[in-house]
Amino acid sequence: MSAEEGKKPGCLGAVLWTVLAVLATLAGGAWLAVAASGSESAGVAATYYVLPPVLGLWAAALVAIVLRFVKIRSGLVRIGAPFGCGCLGAILVAVLTAFFFAAVWPSL
């Protein structure tokens, strides 16, 4: 057994993404609460800005946690997969948020 085979991947990436997601959730939630307390339209506008990055960071954190337990040798995958999934998650959430506020919200 070589020295490389016995090494386990570190958890720094998973911890870093999770801390970033928690901080973004707290800051975004505070911003959203302040904006929504002013007016409903300001709350909707703040949601467009807050929701995609926050949920994108949570997607990246989830992928980083899963990759912590998957046996992958490439460090590029461990670094790139959270970035890619976070960006794709943020784009998907932005589209779904726009759909919700354009199609569902007016009928409520």
C-alpha atoms as a PDB file:
ATOM      1  CA  MET A   1       0.000   0.000   0.000  1.00  0.00           C
ATOM      2  CA  SER A   2       1.451   3.330  -1.000  1.00  0.00           C
ATOM      3  CA  ALA A   3       1.280   6.452   1.121  1.00  0.00           C
ATOM      4  CA  GLU A   4      -1.248   8.024  -1.252  1.00  0.00           C
ATOM      5  CA  GLU A   5      -3.747   5.166  -0.945  1.00  0.00           C
ATOM      6  CA  GLY A   6      -3.954   5.419   2.826  1.00  0.00           C
ATOM      7  CA  LYS A   7      -4.700   9.148   2.875  1.00  0.00           C
ATOM      8  CA  LYS A   8      -8.248  10.291   3.464  1.00  0.00           C
ATOM      9  CA  PRO A   9      -9.474  13.532   1.956  1.00  0.00           C
ATOM     10  CA  GLY A  10      -9.680  16.466   4.313  1.00  0.00           C
ATOM     11  CA  CYS A  11     -12.891  18.106   5.366  1.00  0.00           C
ATOM     12  CA  LEU A  12     -11.744  21.703   4.825  1.00  0.00           C
ATOM     13  CA  GLY A  13     -13.776  22.125   1.638  1.00  0.00           C
ATOM     14  CA  ALA A  14     -16.982  20.842   3.210  1.00  0.00           C
ATOM     15  CA  VAL A  15     -16.529  23.020   6.290  1.00  0.00           C
ATOM     16  CA  LEU A  16     -15.697  26.097   4.216  1.00  0.00           C
ATOM     17  CA  TRP A  17     -18.734  25.740   1.937  1.00  0.00           C
ATOM     18  CA  THR A  18     -21.023  25.072   4.910  1.00  0.00           C
ATOM     19  CA  VAL A  19     -19.752  28.117   6.815  1.00  0.00           C
ATOM     20  CA  LEU A  20     -20.218  30.289   3.721  1.00  0.00           C
ATOM     21  CA  ALA A  21     -23.751  28.944   3.263  1.00  0.00           C
ATOM     22  CA  VAL A  22     -24.678  29.617   6.894  1.00  0.00           C
ATOM     23  CA  LEU A  23     -23.274  33.153   6.799  1.00  0.00           C
ATOM     24  CA  ALA A  24     -25.046  33.892   3.504  1.00  0.00           C
ATOM     25  CA  THR A  25     -28.302  32.526   4.931  1.00  0.00           C
ATOM     26  CA  LEU A  26     -28.065  34.747   7.996  1.00  0.00           C
ATOM     27  CA  ALA A  27     -27.108  37.871   6.041  1.00  0.00           C
ATOM     28  CA  GLY A  28     -29.651  37.212   3.295  1.00  0.00           C
ATOM     29  CA  GLY A  29     -32.399  36.493   5.805  1.00  0.00           C
ATOM     30  CA  ALA A  30     -31.698  39.738   7.631  1.00  0.00           C
ATOM     31  CA  TRP A  31     -31.688  41.687   4.367  1.00  0.00           C
ATOM     32  CA  LEU A  32     -34.912  40.018   3.259  1.00  0.00           C
ATOM     33  CA  ALA A  33     -36.624  40.725   6.581  1.00  0.00           C
ATOM     34  CA  VAL A  34     -35.673  44.391   6.488  1.00  0.00           C
ATOM     35  CA  ALA A  35     -36.767  44.760   2.870  1.00  0.00           C
ATOM     36  CA  ALA A  36     -40.050  42.913   3.382  1.00  0.00           C
ATOM     37  CA  SER A  37     -40.894  44.992   6.441  1.00  0.00           C
ATOM     38  CA  GLY A  38     -40.797  48.103   4.238  1.00  0.00           C
ATOM     39  CA  SER A  39     -43.111  46.906   1.485  1.00  0.00           C
ATOM     40  CA  GLU A  40     -44.206  43.766  -0.281  1.00  0.00           C
ATOM     41  CA  SER A  41     -42.611  44.753  -3.588  1.00  0.00           C
ATOM     42  CA  ALA A  42     -39.288  45.423  -1.846  1.00  0.00           C
ATOM     43  CA  GLY A  43     -39.491  41.960  -0.285  1.00  0.00           C
ATOM     44  CA  VAL A  44     -40.106  40.394  -3.690  1.00  0.00           C
ATOM     45  CA  ALA A  45     -37.181  42.305  -5.191  1.00  0.00           C
ATOM     46  CA  ALA A  46     -34.916  41.268  -2.328  1.00  0.00           C
ATOM     47  CA  THR A  47     -35.956  37.655  -2.826  1.00  0.00           C
ATOM     48  CA  TYR A  48     -34.704  37.821  -6.419  1.00  0.00           C
ATOM     49  CA  TYR A  49     -31.294  38.890  -5.115  1.00  0.00           C
ATOM     50  CA  VAL A  50     -31.042  36.731  -1.990  1.00  0.00           C
ATOM     51  CA  LEU A  51     -32.503  33.340  -2.847  1.00  0.00           C
ATOM     52  CA  PRO A  52     -30.327  32.152  -5.789  1.00  0.00           C
ATOM     53  CA  PRO A  53     -26.912  32.817  -4.191  1.00  0.00           C
ATOM     54  CA  VAL A  54     -27.953  31.395  -0.826  1.00  0.00           C
ATOM     55  CA  LEU A  55     -29.390  28.184  -2.248  1.00  0.00           C
ATOM     56  CA  GLY A  56     -26.459  27.937  -4.668  1.00  0.00           C
ATOM     57  CA  LEU A  57     -24.099  27.988  -1.690  1.00  0.00           C
ATOM     58  CA  TRP A  58     -26.172  25.306   0.034  1.00  0.00           C
ATOM     59  CA  ALA A  59     -25.978  23.153  -3.120  1.00  0.00           C
ATOM     60  CA  ALA A  60     -22.192  23.613  -3.180  1.00  0.00           C
ATOM     61  CA  ALA A  61     -21.972  22.725   0.516  1.00  0.00           C
ATOM     62  CA  LEU A  62     -24.034  19.580  -0.003  1.00  0.00           C
ATOM     63  CA  VAL A  63     -21.843  18.461  -2.912  1.00  0.00           C
ATOM     64  CA  ALA A  64     -18.683  19.161  -0.894  1.00  0.00           C
ATOM     65  CA  ILE A  65     -20.029  17.076   1.995  1.00  0.00           C
ATOM     66  CA  VAL A  66     -20.936  14.192  -0.322  1.00  0.00           C
ATOM     67  CA  LEU A  67     -17.529  14.352  -2.013  1.00  0.00           C
ATOM     68  CA  ARG A  68     -15.918  14.071   1.410  1.00  0.00           C
ATOM     69  CA  PHE A  69     -17.168  10.488   1.586  1.00  0.00           C
ATOM     70  CA  VAL A  70     -16.704   9.497  -2.068  1.00  0.00           C
ATOM     71  CA  LYS A  71     -13.381   8.043  -3.134  1.00  0.00           C
ATOM     72  CA  ILE A  72     -12.103  10.365  -5.877  1.00  0.00           C
ATOM     73  CA  ARG A  73      -8.419  10.831  -6.537  1.00  0.00           C
ATOM     74  CA  SER A  74      -8.611  14.061  -8.522  1.00  0.00           C
ATOM     75  CA  GLY A  75      -8.377  17.217  -6.463  1.00  0.00           C
ATOM     76  CA  LEU A  76      -9.815  19.181  -9.376  1.00  0.00           C
ATOM     77  CA  VAL A  77     -13.109  17.317  -9.042  1.00  0.00           C
ATOM     78  CA  ARG A  78     -13.217  18.037  -5.315  1.00  0.00           C
ATOM     79  CA  ILE A  79     -12.689  21.730  -6.026  1.00  0.00           C
ATOM     80  CA  GLY A  80     -14.678  22.098  -9.243  1.00  0.00           C
ATOM     81  CA  ALA A  81     -17.774  20.048  -8.461  1.00  0.00           C
ATOM     82  CA  PRO A  82     -19.026  22.310  -5.640  1.00  0.00           C
ATOM     83  CA  PHE A  83     -18.441  25.395  -7.806  1.00  0.00           C
ATOM     84  CA  GLY A  84     -20.258  23.877 -10.774  1.00  0.00           C
ATOM     85  CA  CYS A  85     -23.177  22.501  -8.793  1.00  0.00           C
ATOM     86  CA  GLY A  86     -23.489  25.744  -6.853  1.00  0.00           C
ATOM     87  CA  CYS A  87     -23.652  27.779 -10.059  1.00  0.00           C
ATOM     88  CA  LEU A  88     -26.144  25.415 -11.681  1.00  0.00           C
ATOM     89  CA  GLY A  89     -28.230  25.377  -8.511  1.00  0.00           C
ATOM     90  CA  ALA A  90     -28.270  29.174  -8.361  1.00  0.00           C
ATOM     91  CA  ILE A  91     -29.360  29.410 -11.999  1.00  0.00           C
ATOM     92  CA  LEU A  92     -32.116  26.857 -11.437  1.00  0.00           C
ATOM     93  CA  VAL A  93     -33.349  28.665  -8.324  1.00  0.00           C
ATOM     94  CA  ALA A  94     -33.316  31.998 -10.174  1.00  0.00           C
ATOM     95  CA  VAL A  95     -35.483  30.539 -12.947  1.00  0.00           C
ATOM     96  CA  LEU A  96     -37.861  28.901 -10.474  1.00  0.00           C
ATOM     97  CA  THR A  97     -38.104  32.098  -8.413  1.00  0.00           C
ATOM     98  CA  ALA A  98     -38.925  34.146 -11.501  1.00  0.00           C
ATOM     99  CA  PHE A  99     -41.547  31.572 -12.509  1.00  0.00           C
ATOM    100  CA  PHE A 100     -43.077  31.603  -9.042  1.00  0.00           C
ATOM    101  CA  PHE A 101     -43.360  35.367  -8.831  1.00  0.00           C
ATOM    102  CA  ALA A 102     -44.598  35.684 -12.430  1.00  0.00           C
ATOM    103  CA  ALA A 103     -47.089  32.788 -12.521  1.00  0.00           C
ATOM    104  CA  VAL A 104     -48.093  31.800  -9.002  1.00  0.00           C
ATOM    105  CA  TRP A 105     -47.740  34.936  -6.866  1.00  0.00           C
ATOM    106  CA  PRO A 106     -50.327  37.093  -8.721  1.00  0.00           C
ATOM    107  CA  SER A 107     -53.014  34.439  -8.254  1.00  0.00           C
ATOM    108  CA  LEU A 108     -52.542  34.251  -4.494  1.00  0.00           C
END
